[in-house]
Amino acid sequence: MVKLPRKLSGLKIIKGLIRNGYVIKGKRGSHATLSNGKIHITVVMKKEESIGVLKQVLRITGLSIKEFL
């Protein structure tokens, strides 16, 4: 079982989504919108995001932590 990191940057969340087939559709300020054609998700590019943000991204996209990392 893979242990969830306690803190993760918004850029690492974006990189994980790109590895799984998501493409950056737009960027405005500190927010980036990614899409895989069916699911659209907006991620804040902060220095540190809490574990709750990562869990929510995984729930919305249907990815497991192993696929994401």
Protein backbone atom coordinates (compact mmCIF):
# COMPACT_ATOMS: atom_id res chain seq x y z
CA MET A 1 0.00 0.00 0.00
CA VAL A 2 1.32 3.42 -0.96
CA LYS A 3 1.33 6.02 1.80
CA LEU A 4 -0.20 9.40 0.96
CA PRO A 5 2.15 12.37 1.26
CA ARG A 6 1.16 14.89 3.94
CA LYS A 7 1.74 17.96 1.79
CA LEU A 8 1.99 18.24 -1.97
CA SER A 9 2.51 21.25 -4.23
CA GLY A 10 -0.10 22.21 -6.79
CA LEU A 11 2.49 21.75 -9.55
CA LYS A 12 3.06 18.13 -8.50
CA ILE A 13 -0.70 17.52 -8.66
CA ILE A 14 -0.73 18.99 -12.19
CA LYS A 15 2.24 16.85 -13.25
CA GLY A 16 0.49 13.74 -11.90
CA LEU A 17 -2.63 14.56 -13.90
CA ILE A 18 -0.59 15.17 -17.08
CA ARG A 19 1.07 11.74 -16.67
CA ASN A 20 -2.43 10.25 -16.64
CA GLY A 21 -3.63 11.80 -19.89
CA TYR A 22 -4.87 15.23 -18.79
CA VAL A 23 -3.96 18.33 -20.81
CA ILE A 24 -3.76 21.92 -19.62
CA LYS A 25 -6.66 23.75 -21.27
CA GLY A 26 -6.13 27.14 -19.69
CA LYS A 27 -4.34 29.08 -17.01
CA ARG A 28 -5.54 32.19 -15.28
CA GLY A 29 -3.60 33.69 -12.41
CA SER A 30 -2.67 30.90 -10.04
CA HIS A 31 -5.29 28.43 -11.35
CA ALA A 32 -4.81 25.85 -14.11
CA THR A 33 -7.66 23.98 -15.78
CA LEU A 34 -6.95 20.46 -17.01
CA SER A 35 -9.11 18.12 -19.04
CA ASN A 36 -9.04 14.62 -20.49
CA GLY A 37 -12.03 15.24 -22.76
CA LYS A 38 -14.65 14.04 -20.26
CA ILE A 39 -13.53 15.40 -16.90
CA HIS A 40 -12.46 19.01 -16.32
CA ILE A 41 -10.64 19.95 -13.13
CA THR A 42 -9.14 23.20 -11.85
CA VAL A 43 -6.05 23.09 -9.63
CA VAL A 44 -4.51 25.94 -7.67
CA MET A 45 -0.76 26.19 -8.18
CA LYS A 46 0.12 26.90 -4.55
CA LYS A 47 3.40 25.96 -2.91
CA GLU A 48 1.68 23.50 -0.57
CA GLU A 49 -1.69 21.83 -0.81
CA SER A 50 -3.23 19.78 1.97
CA ILE A 51 -3.91 16.05 1.74
CA GLY A 52 -7.63 16.82 1.35
CA VAL A 53 -7.05 18.51 -2.00
CA LEU A 54 -5.18 15.46 -3.31
CA LYS A 55 -7.92 13.11 -2.08
CA GLN A 56 -10.56 15.25 -3.79
CA VAL A 57 -8.62 15.26 -7.08
CA LEU A 58 -8.28 11.45 -6.90
CA ARG A 59 -12.00 11.06 -6.17
CA ILE A 60 -13.06 13.32 -9.05
CA THR A 61 -10.71 11.74 -11.59
CA GLY A 62 -11.18 8.15 -10.43
CA LEU A 63 -7.42 7.55 -10.18
CA SER A 64 -5.74 5.56 -7.44
CA ILE A 65 -2.75 6.86 -5.53
CA LYS A 66 -0.52 4.30 -7.29
CA GLU A 67 -1.63 5.56 -10.72
CA PHE A 68 -1.22 9.17 -9.65
CA LEU A 69 2.26 8.93 -8.14
